[in-house]
């Protein structure tokens, strides 16, 4: 089960040069010696941006 949820497309869309398809909100989770953010498999191979927010 993914902890990622679809978020509203907001002002972030205006700051990214490519057309935005979807925006997700989720927690970064441990994965081996690194970390991951889960997204649907339909996005495999697509260009993405990860924006890390301050707590």
Protein backbone atom coordinates (compact mmCIF):
# COMPACT_ATOMS: atom_id res chain seq x y z
CA UNK A 1 0.00 0.00 0.00
CA UNK A 2 1.43 3.35 -1.03
CA UNK A 3 1.41 6.26 1.42
CA UNK A 4 1.43 8.72 -1.49
CA UNK A 5 -1.76 10.64 -2.25
CA UNK A 6 -2.64 12.84 -5.19
CA UNK A 7 -2.36 16.52 -4.29
CA UNK A 8 -3.85 19.59 -5.91
CA UNK A 9 -1.85 21.14 -8.76
CA UNK A 10 -0.91 24.59 -7.48
CA UNK A 11 1.68 27.32 -7.99
CA UNK A 12 4.30 24.54 -8.30
CA UNK A 13 2.98 23.96 -11.82
CA UNK A 14 3.97 27.50 -12.80
CA UNK A 15 7.60 26.95 -11.73
CA UNK A 16 8.27 23.71 -13.65
CA UNK A 17 9.17 24.16 -17.34
CA UNK A 18 7.42 20.98 -18.55
CA UNK A 19 3.67 20.40 -18.67
CA UNK A 20 2.55 18.97 -15.30
CA UNK A 21 0.44 15.79 -15.52
CA UNK A 22 -0.14 15.11 -11.81
CA UNK A 23 1.17 16.25 -8.42
CA UNK A 24 1.49 13.82 -5.50
CA UNK A 25 2.02 14.34 -1.80
CA UNK A 26 3.62 11.65 0.33
CA UNK A 27 6.21 10.66 2.89
CA UNK A 28 9.73 9.55 2.06
CA UNK A 29 10.23 6.03 3.40
CA UNK A 30 13.32 3.89 3.99
CA UNK A 31 14.32 1.59 1.14
CA UNK A 32 17.49 -0.46 1.65
CA UNK A 33 20.32 2.02 2.24
CA UNK A 34 18.36 4.85 0.60
CA UNK A 35 14.83 6.20 0.53
CA UNK A 36 11.84 6.37 -1.84
CA UNK A 37 8.54 8.10 -2.52
CA UNK A 38 5.93 5.74 -3.93
CA UNK A 39 4.07 6.72 -7.11
CA UNK A 40 1.84 4.69 -9.45
CA UNK A 41 3.61 2.33 -11.86
CA UNK A 42 2.06 4.18 -14.83
CA UNK A 43 4.75 6.85 -14.31
CA UNK A 44 7.72 4.48 -14.84
CA UNK A 45 10.29 6.11 -17.10
CA UNK A 46 8.76 9.59 -16.93
CA UNK A 47 10.74 12.68 -15.92
CA UNK A 48 9.90 13.75 -12.36
CA UNK A 49 10.77 16.46 -9.88
CA UNK A 50 11.02 15.76 -6.16
CA UNK A 51 10.36 18.79 -3.97
CA UNK A 52 11.42 18.37 -0.33
CA UNK A 53 9.49 20.57 2.11
CA UNK A 54 10.80 21.91 5.40
CA UNK A 55 9.09 20.44 8.46
